[in-house]
Amino acid sequence: MTTVEPLVGEGPVLGESPSPLETAPDERLRRRGAVRRLIGAIGSSVFVLWGAATVTFIAINVMPGDPAVAMAGGVQSHPSHAVVAAIDAQYGFNKPIFVQYLLYLGRLVQGQLGYSSTQKQQVVTVIGQNLGATLLLTVSALVLAWLLAIASSLVTVKRGRIGSAVGSAIEVLAAALPQYWLGILLLEVFAFRLGWIPATGGTGFIGLILPGLTLGIPLAGFMSQVTREEFESTLEQPFVTSARSRGMSDWGVRIKHGLRHAALPGLTLSGWALGSLISGAVIVETLFSRQGLGNMLLQAVTQQDMPLTVGITLIVALVYVVANIVVDALYVVADPRLRTS
């Protein structure tokens, strides 16, 4: 059985006395550990962004067709030779492949993502107009997933064999639900039959309910499975027994001690979950006719708008790595033991 050490502030394990290091950790070690973790996270993020940029560059060059023609609107727009030659000269498509790669990285560092032939404006502008809506949807779905996962752990963990079995079954079922099918089901029930929520185009909080549930329910099932084992292990630890012996109620033990430990693996997954939710936004935004990067990415791919496709892909990678840096910092705040590790 895995032993869960009490977090700083929870008190010593039953029968043991806290050491001076546990009660007063050296502040220099804390700062040094936090800075080391932050530098490592930033270094990993730069590597991930470079990898994403390199993969997109390779994809551009291995795909059939001329990238200059694609940037000029595609073959169906019949661009002139002069236009294609101008794009080749501007982006260096007529230079050796390694020179093209360096020019490509240089443009990305400067924030130059190119011009969208379908939207008739700079890719940066298109992304700026749609990024906020997608982030609002994904963050709402992530918060909803956390609330559902916490509720499942509080209500079903260590509630007897039947209660725990029912909770586990619901979590597995939720994690296995296809988002597209779930979205159609929610539309059928709450929009078409009951008429409580508009089917498409809803704005504000009402417009986020069905898309947020579509993204959040499967994620909640997955996160609940991850946190359940840690929650069960925590409730079996000596410091929990000590808390109960001091008269703390069952709900108090679950909220103060159980959730604090169980949230750590879920917090680790939150950065990955945010990236996964942005990917799922392609389906959800299309299904609910919402403005956002997902819907825009689908249009860019179907219309062969290569600059917009590449730009959205890289922005999604950037959001992913930033989210992981934030999660890593929050993990240190949630688990003070890491400050001196």
C-alpha atoms as a PDB file:
ATOM      1  CA  MET A   1       0.000   0.000   0.000  1.00  0.00           C
ATOM      2  CA  THR A   2       1.309   3.439  -0.930  1.00  0.00           C
ATOM      3  CA  THR A   3       2.051   5.653   2.064  1.00  0.00           C
ATOM      4  CA  VAL A   4       0.806   9.214   1.711  1.00  0.00           C
ATOM      5  CA  GLU A   5       2.846  11.697   3.683  1.00  0.00           C
ATOM      6  CA  PRO A   6       0.832  14.505   5.281  1.00  0.00           C
ATOM      7  CA  LEU A   7       1.263  17.838   3.578  1.00  0.00           C
ATOM      8  CA  VAL A   8       2.864  20.665   5.487  1.00  0.00           C
ATOM      9  CA  GLY A   9       0.263  22.172   7.768  1.00  0.00           C
ATOM     10  CA  GLU A  10      -1.696  18.955   8.373  1.00  0.00           C
ATOM     11  CA  GLY A  11       0.193  17.990  11.479  1.00  0.00           C
ATOM     12  CA  PRO A  12       2.439  15.027  12.269  1.00  0.00           C
ATOM     13  CA  VAL A  13       1.552  11.410  11.721  1.00  0.00           C
ATOM     14  CA  LEU A  14       0.000   9.753  14.773  1.00  0.00           C
ATOM     15  CA  GLY A  15       2.670   8.840  17.296  1.00  0.00           C
ATOM     16  CA  GLU A  16       5.452  10.906  15.686  1.00  0.00           C
ATOM     17  CA  SER A  17       6.894  14.318  16.433  1.00  0.00           C
ATOM     18  CA  PRO A  18       7.525  16.821  13.663  1.00  0.00           C
ATOM     19  CA  SER A  19      11.159  17.426  12.849  1.00  0.00           C
ATOM     20  CA  PRO A  20      12.555  20.970  12.736  1.00  0.00           C
ATOM     21  CA  LEU A  21      12.929  20.645   8.961  1.00  0.00           C
ATOM     22  CA  GLU A  22       9.208  19.860   8.591  1.00  0.00           C
ATOM     23  CA  THR A  23       8.084  22.761  10.772  1.00  0.00           C
ATOM     24  CA  ALA A  24      10.552  25.381   9.533  1.00  0.00           C
ATOM     25  CA  PRO A  25      12.021  24.524   6.116  1.00  0.00           C
ATOM     26  CA  ASP A  26      14.961  26.593   5.038  1.00  0.00           C
ATOM     27  CA  GLU A  27      13.737  29.537   2.975  1.00  0.00           C
ATOM     28  CA  ARG A  28      16.750  29.432   0.691  1.00  0.00           C
ATOM     29  CA  LEU A  29      16.057  25.807  -0.188  1.00  0.00           C
ATOM     30  CA  ARG A  30      12.464  26.707  -0.955  1.00  0.00           C
ATOM     31  CA  ARG A  31      13.416  29.501  -3.316  1.00  0.00           C
ATOM     32  CA  ARG A  32      16.157  27.434  -4.942  1.00  0.00           C
ATOM     33  CA  GLY A  33      13.818  24.502  -5.509  1.00  0.00           C
ATOM     34  CA  ALA A  34      11.065  26.714  -6.923  1.00  0.00           C
ATOM     35  CA  VAL A  35      13.467  28.502  -9.300  1.00  0.00           C
ATOM     36  CA  ARG A  36      14.937  25.176 -10.442  1.00  0.00           C
ATOM     37  CA  ARG A  37      11.505  23.776 -11.229  1.00  0.00           C
ATOM     38  CA  LEU A  38      10.485  26.959 -13.047  1.00  0.00           C
ATOM     39  CA  ILE A  39      13.640  26.967 -15.195  1.00  0.00           C
ATOM     40  CA  GLY A  40      13.099  23.297 -16.042  1.00  0.00           C
ATOM     41  CA  ALA A  41       9.480  23.945 -17.006  1.00  0.00           C
ATOM     42  CA  ILE A  42      10.414  26.894 -19.241  1.00  0.00           C
ATOM     43  CA  GLY A  43      13.181  24.868 -20.907  1.00  0.00           C
ATOM     44  CA  SER A  44      10.804  21.993 -21.613  1.00  0.00           C
ATOM     45  CA  SER A  45       8.232  24.419 -22.982  1.00  0.00           C
ATOM     46  CA  VAL A  46      10.713  25.976 -25.406  1.00  0.00           C
ATOM     47  CA  PHE A  47      11.645  22.489 -26.611  1.00  0.00           C
ATOM     48  CA  VAL A  48       7.972  21.575 -27.133  1.00  0.00           C
ATOM     49  CA  LEU A  49       7.314  24.763 -29.105  1.00  0.00           C
ATOM     50  CA  TRP A  50      10.375  24.166 -31.260  1.00  0.00           C
ATOM     51  CA  GLY A  51       9.221  20.595 -31.879  1.00  0.00           C
ATOM     52  CA  ALA A  52       5.719  21.748 -32.852  1.00  0.00           C
ATOM     53  CA  ALA A  53       7.143  24.363 -35.221  1.00  0.00           C
ATOM     54  CA  THR A  54       9.491  21.810 -36.797  1.00  0.00           C
ATOM     55  CA  VAL A  55       6.719  19.268 -37.303  1.00  0.00           C
ATOM     56  CA  THR A  56       4.495  21.852 -38.971  1.00  0.00           C
ATOM     57  CA  PHE A  57       7.381  22.895 -41.251  1.00  0.00           C
ATOM     58  CA  ILE A  58       7.942  19.267 -42.279  1.00  0.00           C
ATOM     59  CA  ALA A  59       4.202  18.819 -42.864  1.00  0.00           C
ATOM     60  CA  ILE A  60       4.130  21.866 -45.138  1.00  0.00           C
ATOM     61  CA  ASN A  61       6.974  20.527 -47.244  1.00  0.00           C
ATOM     62  CA  VAL A  62       5.835  16.894 -47.538  1.00  0.00           C
ATOM     63  CA  MET A  63       2.257  17.745 -48.466  1.00  0.00           C
ATOM     64  CA  PRO A  64       1.525  17.631 -52.196  1.00  0.00           C
ATOM     65  CA  GLY A  65       1.256  20.920 -53.987  1.00  0.00           C
ATOM     66  CA  ASP A  66       3.100  24.228 -53.947  1.00  0.00           C
ATOM     67  CA  PRO A  67       2.902  26.099 -50.616  1.00  0.00           C
ATOM     68  CA  ALA A  68       3.065  29.410 -52.489  1.00  0.00           C
ATOM     69  CA  VAL A  69       0.020  28.431 -54.539  1.00  0.00           C
ATOM     70  CA  ALA A  70      -1.785  27.391 -51.343  1.00  0.00           C
ATOM     71  CA  MET A  71      -0.998  30.734 -49.724  1.00  0.00           C
ATOM     72  CA  ALA A  72      -2.272  32.503 -52.849  1.00  0.00           C
ATOM     73  CA  GLY A  73      -5.684  30.904 -52.412  1.00  0.00           C
ATOM     74  CA  GLY A  74      -5.168  27.436 -53.847  1.00  0.00           C
ATOM     75  CA  VAL A  75      -5.307  26.045 -57.346  1.00  0.00           C
ATOM     76  CA  GLN A  76      -9.020  26.881 -57.620  1.00  0.00           C
ATOM     77  CA  SER A  77      -8.211  30.608 -57.412  1.00  0.00           C
ATOM     78  CA  HIS A  78      -5.855  30.337 -60.434  1.00  0.00           C
ATOM     79  CA  PRO A  79      -3.102  32.629 -59.096  1.00  0.00           C
ATOM     80  CA  SER A  80      -0.846  34.201 -61.676  1.00  0.00           C
ATOM     81  CA  HIS A  81       2.819  33.291 -62.023  1.00  0.00           C
ATOM     82  CA  ALA A  82       3.746  36.771 -60.821  1.00  0.00           C
ATOM     83  CA  VAL A  83       1.789  36.325 -57.588  1.00  0.00           C
ATOM     84  CA  VAL A  84       3.309  32.887 -56.957  1.00  0.00           C
ATOM     85  CA  ALA A  85       6.805  34.220 -57.666  1.00  0.00           C
ATOM     86  CA  ALA A  86       6.256  37.124 -55.264  1.00  0.00           C
ATOM     87  CA  ILE A  87       5.181  34.737 -52.482  1.00  0.00           C
ATOM     88  CA  ASP A  88       8.204  32.502 -53.210  1.00  0.00           C
ATOM     89  CA  ALA A  89      10.509  35.494 -52.850  1.00  0.00           C
ATOM     90  CA  GLN A  90       8.778  36.822 -49.725  1.00  0.00           C
ATOM     91  CA  TYR A  91       8.805  33.535 -47.800  1.00  0.00           C
ATOM     92  CA  GLY A  92      11.972  32.055 -49.311  1.00  0.00           C
ATOM     93  CA  PHE A  93      10.274  29.048 -50.916  1.00  0.00           C
ATOM     94  CA  ASN A  94      12.763  29.292 -53.795  1.00  0.00           C
ATOM     95  CA  LYS A  95      15.750  28.843 -51.440  1.00  0.00           C
ATOM     96  CA  PRO A  96      17.385  25.630 -50.125  1.00  0.00           C
ATOM     97  CA  ILE A  97      15.291  23.718 -47.588  1.00  0.00           C
ATOM     98  CA  PHE A  98      17.571  24.488 -44.630  1.00  0.00           C
ATOM     99  CA  VAL A  99      17.469  28.215 -45.409  1.00  0.00           C
ATOM    100  CA  GLN A 100      13.674  27.980 -45.644  1.00  0.00           C
ATOM    101  CA  TYR A 101      13.608  26.362 -42.206  1.00  0.00           C
ATOM    102  CA  LEU A 102      15.710  29.116 -40.638  1.00  0.00           C
ATOM    103  CA  LEU A 103      13.593  31.829 -42.261  1.00  0.00           C
ATOM    104  CA  TYR A 104      10.460  30.040 -41.047  1.00  0.00           C
ATOM    105  CA  LEU A 105      11.710  29.946 -37.437  1.00  0.00           C
ATOM    106  CA  GLY A 106      12.759  33.569 -37.664  1.00  0.00           C
ATOM    107  CA  ARG A 107       9.287  34.639 -38.767  1.00  0.00           C
ATOM    108  CA  LEU A 108       7.695  32.663 -35.928  1.00  0.00           C
ATOM    109  CA  VAL A 109       9.960  34.280 -33.328  1.00  0.00           C
ATOM    110  CA  GLN A 110       8.887  37.677 -34.647  1.00  0.00           C
ATOM    111  CA  GLY A 111       5.204  36.673 -34.500  1.00  0.00           C
ATOM    112  CA  GLN A 112       4.782  36.676 -38.293  1.00  0.00           C
ATOM    113  CA  LEU A 113       2.347  33.851 -39.052  1.00  0.00           C
ATOM    114  CA  GLY A 114       1.454  34.933 -42.562  1.00  0.00           C
ATOM    115  CA  TYR A 115      -1.705  35.964 -44.390  1.00  0.00           C
ATOM    116  CA  SER A 116      -4.943  33.969 -44.458  1.00  0.00           C
ATOM    117  CA  SER A 117      -6.207  33.592 -48.012  1.00  0.00           C
ATOM    118  CA  THR A 118      -9.700  32.579 -46.847  1.00  0.00           C
ATOM    119  CA  GLN A 119     -10.186  35.266 -44.171  1.00  0.00           C
ATOM    120  CA  LYS A 120      -8.386  37.969 -46.172  1.00  0.00           C
ATOM    121  CA  GLN A 121      -6.407  39.225 -43.193  1.00  0.00           C
ATOM    122  CA  GLN A 122      -3.307  38.462 -41.158  1.00  0.00           C
ATOM    123  CA  VAL A 123      -3.317  35.103 -39.335  1.00  0.00           C
ATOM    124  CA  VAL A 124      -2.438  36.840 -36.057  1.00  0.00           C
ATOM    125  CA  THR A 125      -5.567  38.979 -36.398  1.00  0.00           C
ATOM    126  CA  VAL A 126      -7.775  35.968 -37.136  1.00  0.00           C
ATOM    127  CA  ILE A 127      -6.399  34.107 -34.112  1.00  0.00           C
ATOM    128  CA  GLY A 128      -6.833  37.126 -31.875  1.00  0.00           C
ATOM    129  CA  GLN A 129     -10.489  37.398 -32.860  1.00  0.00           C
ATOM    130  CA  ASN A 130     -11.229  33.743 -32.020  1.00  0.00           C
ATOM    131  CA  LEU A 131      -8.824  32.785 -29.224  1.00  0.00           C
ATOM    132  CA  GLY A 132     -10.865  34.333 -26.415  1.00  0.00           C
ATOM    133  CA  ALA A 133     -14.023  32.359 -27.222  1.00  0.00           C
ATOM    134  CA  THR A 134     -12.147  29.061 -27.321  1.00  0.00           C
ATOM    135  CA  LEU A 135     -10.273  29.739 -24.079  1.00  0.00           C
ATOM    136  CA  LEU A 136     -13.530  30.687 -22.354  1.00  0.00           C
ATOM    137  CA  LEU A 137     -15.113  27.415 -23.473  1.00  0.00           C
ATOM    138  CA  THR A 138     -12.144  25.230 -22.513  1.00  0.00           C
ATOM    139  CA  VAL A 139     -11.594  26.861 -19.113  1.00  0.00           C
ATOM    140  CA  SER A 140     -15.319  26.533 -18.350  1.00  0.00           C
ATOM    141  CA  ALA A 141     -15.206  22.850 -19.297  1.00  0.00           C
ATOM    142  CA  LEU A 142     -12.102  22.312 -17.141  1.00  0.00           C
ATOM    143  CA  VAL A 143     -13.740  23.963 -14.112  1.00  0.00           C
ATOM    144  CA  LEU A 144     -16.863  21.885 -14.658  1.00  0.00           C
ATOM    145  CA  ALA A 145     -14.776  18.703 -14.913  1.00  0.00           C
ATOM    146  CA  TRP A 146     -13.036  19.540 -11.630  1.00  0.00           C
ATOM    147  CA  LEU A 147     -16.344  20.161  -9.863  1.00  0.00           C
ATOM    148  CA  LEU A 148     -17.789  16.857 -11.092  1.00  0.00           C
ATOM    149  CA  ALA A 149     -14.609  14.939 -10.175  1.00  0.00           C
ATOM    150  CA  ILE A 150     -14.533  16.444  -6.668  1.00  0.00           C
ATOM    151  CA  ALA A 151     -18.223  15.703  -6.139  1.00  0.00           C
ATOM    152  CA  SER A 152     -17.733  12.099  -7.243  1.00  0.00           C
ATOM    153  CA  SER A 153     -14.811  11.597  -4.850  1.00  0.00           C
ATOM    154  CA  LEU A 154     -16.580  13.194  -1.894  1.00  0.00           C
ATOM    155  CA  VAL A 155     -19.817  11.272  -2.378  1.00  0.00           C
ATOM    156  CA  THR A 156     -18.676   7.784  -3.432  1.00  0.00           C
ATOM    157  CA  VAL A 157     -15.139   7.074  -2.168  1.00  0.00           C
ATOM    158  CA  LYS A 158     -15.123   4.795   0.906  1.00  0.00           C
ATOM    159  CA  ARG A 159     -18.935   4.723   1.025  1.00  0.00           C
ATOM    160  CA  GLY A 160     -19.233   0.977   1.187  1.00  0.00           C
ATOM    161  CA  ARG A 161     -18.788  -1.612  -1.541  1.00  0.00           C
ATOM    162  CA  ILE A 162     -21.953  -0.665  -3.441  1.00  0.00           C
ATOM    163  CA  GLY A 163     -21.366   3.096  -3.270  1.00  0.00           C
ATOM    164  CA  SER A 164     -17.758   2.802  -4.430  1.00  0.00           C
ATOM    165  CA  ALA A 165     -18.716   0.390  -7.236  1.00  0.00           C
ATOM    166  CA  VAL A 166     -21.461   2.691  -8.496  1.00  0.00           C
ATOM    167  CA  GLY A 167     -19.109   5.686  -8.415  1.00  0.00           C
ATOM    168  CA  SER A 168     -16.393   3.807 -10.320  1.00  0.00           C
ATOM    169  CA  ALA A 169     -18.887   2.594 -12.927  1.00  0.00           C
ATOM    170  CA  ILE A 170     -20.196   6.109 -13.535  1.00  0.00           C
ATOM    171  CA  GLU A 171     -16.655   7.450 -13.910  1.00  0.00           C
ATOM    172  CA  VAL A 172     -15.691   4.758 -16.437  1.00  0.00           C
ATOM    173  CA  LEU A 173     -18.883   5.371 -18.414  1.00  0.00           C
ATOM    174  CA  ALA A 174     -18.359   9.138 -18.442  1.00  0.00           C
ATOM    175  CA  ALA A 175     -14.727   8.813 -19.561  1.00  0.00           C
ATOM    176  CA  ALA A 176     -15.769   6.530 -22.443  1.00  0.00           C
ATOM    177  CA  LEU A 177     -18.463   8.856 -23.850  1.00  0.00           C
ATOM    178  CA  PRO A 178     -17.624  10.156 -27.352  1.00  0.00           C
ATOM    179  CA  GLN A 179     -17.855  13.939 -27.354  1.00  0.00           C
ATOM    180  CA  TYR A 180     -19.715  14.163 -30.658  1.00  0.00           C
ATOM    181  CA  TRP A 181     -22.349  11.638 -29.535  1.00  0.00           C
ATOM    182  CA  LEU A 182     -22.688  13.290 -26.127  1.00  0.00           C
ATOM    183  CA  GLY A 183     -23.148  16.704 -27.728  1.00  0.00           C
ATOM    184  CA  ILE A 184     -25.918  15.417 -29.993  1.00  0.00           C
ATOM    185  CA  LEU A 185     -27.617  13.748 -27.011  1.00  0.00           C
ATOM    186  CA  LEU A 186     -27.507  16.950 -24.947  1.00  0.00           C
ATOM    187  CA  LEU A 187     -28.901  18.920 -27.884  1.00  0.00           C
ATOM    188  CA  GLU A 188     -31.725  16.425 -28.373  1.00  0.00           C
ATOM    189  CA  VAL A 189     -32.749  16.438 -24.710  1.00  0.00           C
ATOM    190  CA  PHE A 190     -32.219  20.002 -23.496  1.00  0.00           C
ATOM    191  CA  ALA A 191     -32.561  22.015 -26.711  1.00  0.00           C
ATOM    192  CA  PHE A 192     -34.975  20.174 -29.007  1.00  0.00           C
ATOM    193  CA  ARG A 193     -37.242  18.329 -26.564  1.00  0.00           C
ATOM    194  CA  LEU A 194     -37.235  20.460 -23.413  1.00  0.00           C
ATOM    195  CA  GLY A 195     -36.347  23.762 -25.055  1.00  0.00           C
ATOM    196  CA  TRP A 196     -34.451  24.960 -22.004  1.00  0.00           C
ATOM    197  CA  ILE A 197     -31.274  25.997 -23.844  1.00  0.00           C
ATOM    198  CA  PRO A 198     -30.839  27.328 -27.398  1.00  0.00           C
ATOM    199  CA  ALA A 199     -29.421  24.721 -29.748  1.00  0.00           C
ATOM    200  CA  THR A 200     -26.824  26.944 -31.400  1.00  0.00           C
ATOM    201  CA  GLY A 201     -25.510  30.445 -31.211  1.00  0.00           C
ATOM    202  CA  GLY A 202     -26.220  30.977 -27.518  1.00  0.00           C
ATOM    203  CA  THR A 203     -24.209  33.754 -25.889  1.00  0.00           C
ATOM    204  CA  GLY A 204     -23.089  34.324 -22.332  1.00  0.00           C
ATOM    205  CA  PHE A 205     -23.416  31.717 -19.617  1.00  0.00           C
ATOM    206  CA  ILE A 206     -26.400  29.964 -21.228  1.00  0.00           C
ATOM    207  CA  GLY A 207     -24.483  29.393 -24.427  1.00  0.00           C
ATOM    208  CA  LEU A 208     -21.634  27.723 -22.521  1.00  0.00           C
ATOM    209  CA  ILE A 209     -23.748  25.121 -20.711  1.00  0.00           C
ATOM    210  CA  LEU A 210     -24.181  22.440 -23.395  1.00  0.00           C
ATOM    211  CA  PRO A 211     -20.732  22.866 -25.013  1.00  0.00           C
ATOM    212  CA  GLY A 212     -19.117  22.901 -21.560  1.00  0.00           C
ATOM    213  CA  LEU A 213     -20.917  19.704 -20.545  1.00  0.00           C
ATOM    214  CA  THR A 214     -19.965  18.054 -23.827  1.00  0.00           C
ATOM    215  CA  LEU A 215     -16.278  18.708 -23.164  1.00  0.00           C
ATOM    216  CA  GLY A 216     -16.331  18.476 -19.373  1.00  0.00           C
ATOM    217  CA  ILE A 217     -18.212  15.227 -18.656  1.00  0.00           C
ATOM    218  CA  PRO A 218     -15.745  12.834 -20.364  1.00  0.00           C
ATOM    219  CA  LEU A 219     -12.811  14.712 -18.817  1.00  0.00           C
ATOM    220  CA  ALA A 220     -14.469  14.549 -15.379  1.00  0.00           C
ATOM    221  CA  GLY A 221     -14.770  10.756 -15.698  1.00  0.00           C
ATOM    222  CA  PHE A 222     -11.082  10.454 -16.503  1.00  0.00           C
ATOM    223  CA  MET A 223      -9.957  12.823 -13.735  1.00  0.00           C
ATOM    224  CA  SER A 224     -12.188  11.079 -11.178  1.00  0.00           C
ATOM    225  CA  GLN A 225     -10.503   7.763 -11.914  1.00  0.00           C
ATOM    226  CA  VAL A 226      -7.097   9.358 -11.376  1.00  0.00           C
ATOM    227  CA  THR A 227      -8.020  11.051  -8.091  1.00  0.00           C
ATOM    228  CA  ARG A 228     -10.072   8.169  -6.636  1.00  0.00           C
ATOM    229  CA  GLU A 229      -7.095   5.940  -5.832  1.00  0.00           C
ATOM    230  CA  GLU A 230      -5.201   8.758  -4.127  1.00  0.00           C
ATOM    231  CA  PHE A 231      -8.335   9.735  -2.185  1.00  0.00           C
ATOM    232  CA  GLU A 232      -8.848   6.171  -0.950  1.00  0.00           C
ATOM    233  CA  SER A 233      -5.194   5.844   0.040  1.00  0.00           C
ATOM    234  CA  THR A 234      -5.268   9.146   1.929  1.00  0.00           C
ATOM    235  CA  LEU A 235      -8.310   8.163   4.005  1.00  0.00           C
ATOM    236  CA  GLU A 236      -6.383   5.103   5.240  1.00  0.00           C
ATOM    237  CA  GLN A 237      -3.372   7.066   6.513  1.00  0.00           C
ATOM    238  CA  PRO A 238      -2.488   7.496  10.222  1.00  0.00           C
ATOM    239  CA  PHE A 239      -2.820  11.293  10.173  1.00  0.00           C
ATOM    240  CA  VAL A 240      -6.443  10.868   9.038  1.00  0.00           C
ATOM    241  CA  THR A 241      -7.024   8.479  11.942  1.00  0.00           C
ATOM    242  CA  SER A 242      -5.510  11.094  14.226  1.00  0.00           C
ATOM    243  CA  ALA A 243      -7.852  13.760  12.841  1.00  0.00           C
ATOM    244  CA  ARG A 244     -10.876  11.528  13.390  1.00  0.00           C
ATOM    245  CA  SER A 245      -9.762  10.808  16.958  1.00  0.00           C
ATOM    246  CA  ARG A 246      -9.668  14.552  17.633  1.00  0.00           C
ATOM    247  CA  GLY A 247     -13.351  14.721  16.749  1.00  0.00           C
ATOM    248  CA  MET A 248     -13.191  15.914  13.135  1.00  0.00           C
ATOM    249  CA  SER A 249     -16.297  14.925  11.191  1.00  0.00           C
ATOM    250  CA  ASP A 250     -16.221  12.603   8.196  1.00  0.00           C
ATOM    251  CA  TRP A 251     -16.953  15.436   5.785  1.00  0.00           C
ATOM    252  CA  GLY A 252     -14.295  17.569   7.452  1.00  0.00           C
ATOM    253  CA  VAL A 253     -11.704  14.816   7.003  1.00  0.00           C
ATOM    254  CA  ARG A 254     -12.678  14.354   3.366  1.00  0.00           C
ATOM    255  CA  ILE A 255     -12.568  18.041   2.504  1.00  0.00           C
ATOM    256  CA  LYS A 256      -9.532  19.135   4.541  1.00  0.00           C
ATOM    257  CA  HIS A 257      -7.288  16.074   4.147  1.00  0.00           C
ATOM    258  CA  GLY A 258      -8.691  13.809   1.434  1.00  0.00           C
ATOM    259  CA  LEU A 259      -9.245  16.404  -1.269  1.00  0.00           C
ATOM    260  CA  ARG A 260      -5.952  18.144  -0.603  1.00  0.00           C
ATOM    261  CA  HIS A 261      -3.996  15.005  -1.437  1.00  0.00           C
ATOM    262  CA  ALA A 262      -6.348  13.684  -4.116  1.00  0.00           C
ATOM    263  CA  ALA A 263      -6.196  16.975  -6.024  1.00  0.00           C
ATOM    264  CA  LEU A 264      -2.460  16.633  -6.702  1.00  0.00           C
ATOM    265  CA  PRO A 265      -2.623  14.016  -9.519  1.00  0.00           C
ATOM    266  CA  GLY A 266      -5.643  15.802 -10.979  1.00  0.00           C
ATOM    267  CA  LEU A 267      -3.737  19.086 -10.902  1.00  0.00           C
ATOM    268  CA  THR A 268      -0.876  17.451 -12.789  1.00  0.00           C
ATOM    269  CA  LEU A 269      -3.288  16.423 -15.533  1.00  0.00           C
ATOM    270  CA  SER A 270      -4.907  19.840 -15.833  1.00  0.00           C
ATOM    271  CA  GLY A 271      -2.259  21.172 -18.217  1.00  0.00           C
ATOM    272  CA  TRP A 272      -2.678  18.178 -20.504  1.00  0.00           C
ATOM    273  CA  ALA A 273      -6.455  18.424 -20.121  1.00  0.00           C
ATOM    274  CA  LEU A 274      -6.497  22.033 -21.315  1.00  0.00           C
ATOM    275  CA  GLY A 275      -4.661  21.047 -24.502  1.00  0.00           C
ATOM    276  CA  SER A 276      -7.020  18.122 -24.973  1.00  0.00           C
ATOM    277  CA  LEU A 277     -10.043  20.386 -24.521  1.00  0.00           C
ATOM    278  CA  ILE A 278      -8.779  22.809 -27.160  1.00  0.00           C
ATOM    279  CA  SER A 279      -8.468  19.863 -29.548  1.00  0.00           C
ATOM    280  CA  GLY A 280     -12.005  18.787 -28.662  1.00  0.00           C
ATOM    281  CA  ALA A 281     -13.212  22.319 -29.367  1.00  0.00           C
ATOM    282  CA  VAL A 282     -12.943  21.514 -33.092  1.00  0.00           C
ATOM    283  CA  ILE A 283     -15.901  19.125 -32.705  1.00  0.00           C
ATOM    284  CA  VAL A 284     -17.871  21.091 -30.131  1.00  0.00           C
ATOM    285  CA  GLU A 285     -17.621  24.506 -31.781  1.00  0.00           C
ATOM    286  CA  THR A 286     -18.703  23.008 -35.090  1.00  0.00           C
ATOM    287  CA  LEU A 287     -21.584  21.099 -33.510  1.00  0.00           C
ATOM    288  CA  PHE A 288     -22.906  24.105 -31.582  1.00  0.00           C
ATOM    289  CA  SER A 289     -22.025  26.702 -34.254  1.00  0.00           C
ATOM    290  CA  ARG A 290     -19.754  28.635 -31.894  1.00  0.00           C
ATOM    291  CA  GLN A 291     -17.075  31.076 -32.913  1.00  0.00           C
ATOM    292  CA  GLY A 292     -13.586  29.930 -31.954  1.00  0.00           C
ATOM    293  CA  LEU A 293     -10.263  28.468 -33.006  1.00  0.00           C
ATOM    294  CA  GLY A 294     -11.702  24.965 -33.393  1.00  0.00           C
ATOM    295  CA  ASN A 295     -14.300  26.029 -35.936  1.00  0.00           C
ATOM    296  CA  MET A 296     -11.759  28.236 -37.670  1.00  0.00           C
ATOM    297  CA  LEU A 297      -9.235  25.396 -37.856  1.00  0.00           C
ATOM    298  CA  LEU A 298     -11.776  23.104 -39.498  1.00  0.00           C
ATOM    299  CA  GLN A 299     -12.522  25.748 -42.126  1.00  0.00           C
ATOM    300  CA  ALA A 300      -8.808  26.356 -42.724  1.00  0.00           C
ATOM    301  CA  VAL A 301      -8.115  22.651 -43.278  1.00  0.00           C
ATOM    302  CA  THR A 302     -11.078  22.073 -45.588  1.00  0.00           C
ATOM    303  CA  GLN A 303     -10.215  25.182 -47.635  1.00  0.00           C
ATOM    304  CA  GLN A 304      -6.463  24.414 -47.647  1.00  0.00           C
ATOM    305  CA  ASP A 305      -5.569  27.678 -45.922  1.00  0.00           C
ATOM    306  CA  MET A 306      -2.078  26.585 -44.901  1.00  0.00           C
ATOM    307  CA  PRO A 307      -0.903  29.736 -43.041  1.00  0.00           C
ATOM    308  CA  LEU A 308      -4.036  29.770 -40.877  1.00  0.00           C
ATOM    309  CA  THR A 309      -3.787  26.027 -40.214  1.00  0.00           C
ATOM    310  CA  VAL A 310      -0.149  26.320 -39.146  1.00  0.00           C
ATOM    311  CA  GLY A 311      -0.807  29.449 -37.078  1.00  0.00           C
ATOM    312  CA  ILE A 312      -3.666  27.891 -35.101  1.00  0.00           C
ATOM    313  CA  THR A 313      -1.646  24.711 -34.542  1.00  0.00           C
ATOM    314  CA  LEU A 314       1.254  26.665 -33.084  1.00  0.00           C
ATOM    315  CA  ILE A 315      -0.995  28.828 -30.917  1.00  0.00           C
ATOM    316  CA  VAL A 316      -2.613  25.701 -29.484  1.00  0.00           C
ATOM    317  CA  ALA A 317       0.869  24.360 -28.682  1.00  0.00           C
ATOM    318  CA  LEU A 318       1.745  27.690 -27.016  1.00  0.00           C
ATOM    319  CA  VAL A 319      -1.412  27.596 -24.873  1.00  0.00           C
ATOM    320  CA  TYR A 320      -0.576  24.018 -23.910  1.00  0.00           C
ATOM    321  CA  VAL A 321       2.944  24.794 -22.696  1.00  0.00           C
ATOM    322  CA  VAL A 322       1.884  27.961 -20.859  1.00  0.00           C
ATOM    323  CA  ALA A 323      -0.850  25.985 -19.110  1.00  0.00           C
ATOM    324  CA  ASN A 324       1.683  23.370 -18.042  1.00  0.00           C
ATOM    325  CA  ILE A 325       4.003  26.032 -16.605  1.00  0.00           C
ATOM    326  CA  VAL A 326       1.112  27.473 -14.599  1.00  0.00           C
ATOM    327  CA  VAL A 327       0.093  23.998 -13.414  1.00  0.00           C
ATOM    328  CA  ASP A 328       3.659  23.221 -12.379  1.00  0.00           C
ATOM    329  CA  ALA A 329       3.754  26.412 -10.291  1.00  0.00           C
ATOM    330  CA  LEU A 330       0.378  25.597  -8.731  1.00  0.00           C
ATOM    331  CA  TYR A 331       1.595  22.095  -7.904  1.00  0.00           C
ATOM    332  CA  VAL A 332       4.444  23.543  -5.848  1.00  0.00           C
ATOM    333  CA  VAL A 333       1.968  25.802  -4.037  1.00  0.00           C
ATOM    334  CA  ALA A 334      -0.381  22.877  -3.346  1.00  0.00           C
ATOM    335  CA  ASP A 335       2.404  20.540  -2.180  1.00  0.00           C
ATOM    336  CA  PRO A 336       4.969  22.472  -0.060  1.00  0.00           C
ATOM    337  CA  ARG A 337       7.183  19.357   0.153  1.00  0.00           C
ATOM    338  CA  LEU A 338       8.353  20.093  -3.411  1.00  0.00           C
ATOM    339  CA  ARG A 339       9.792  23.451  -2.393  1.00  0.00           C
ATOM    340  CA  THR A 340      12.725  21.762  -0.696  1.00  0.00           C
ATOM    341  CA  SER A 341      12.981  18.679  -2.927  1.00  0.00           C
END
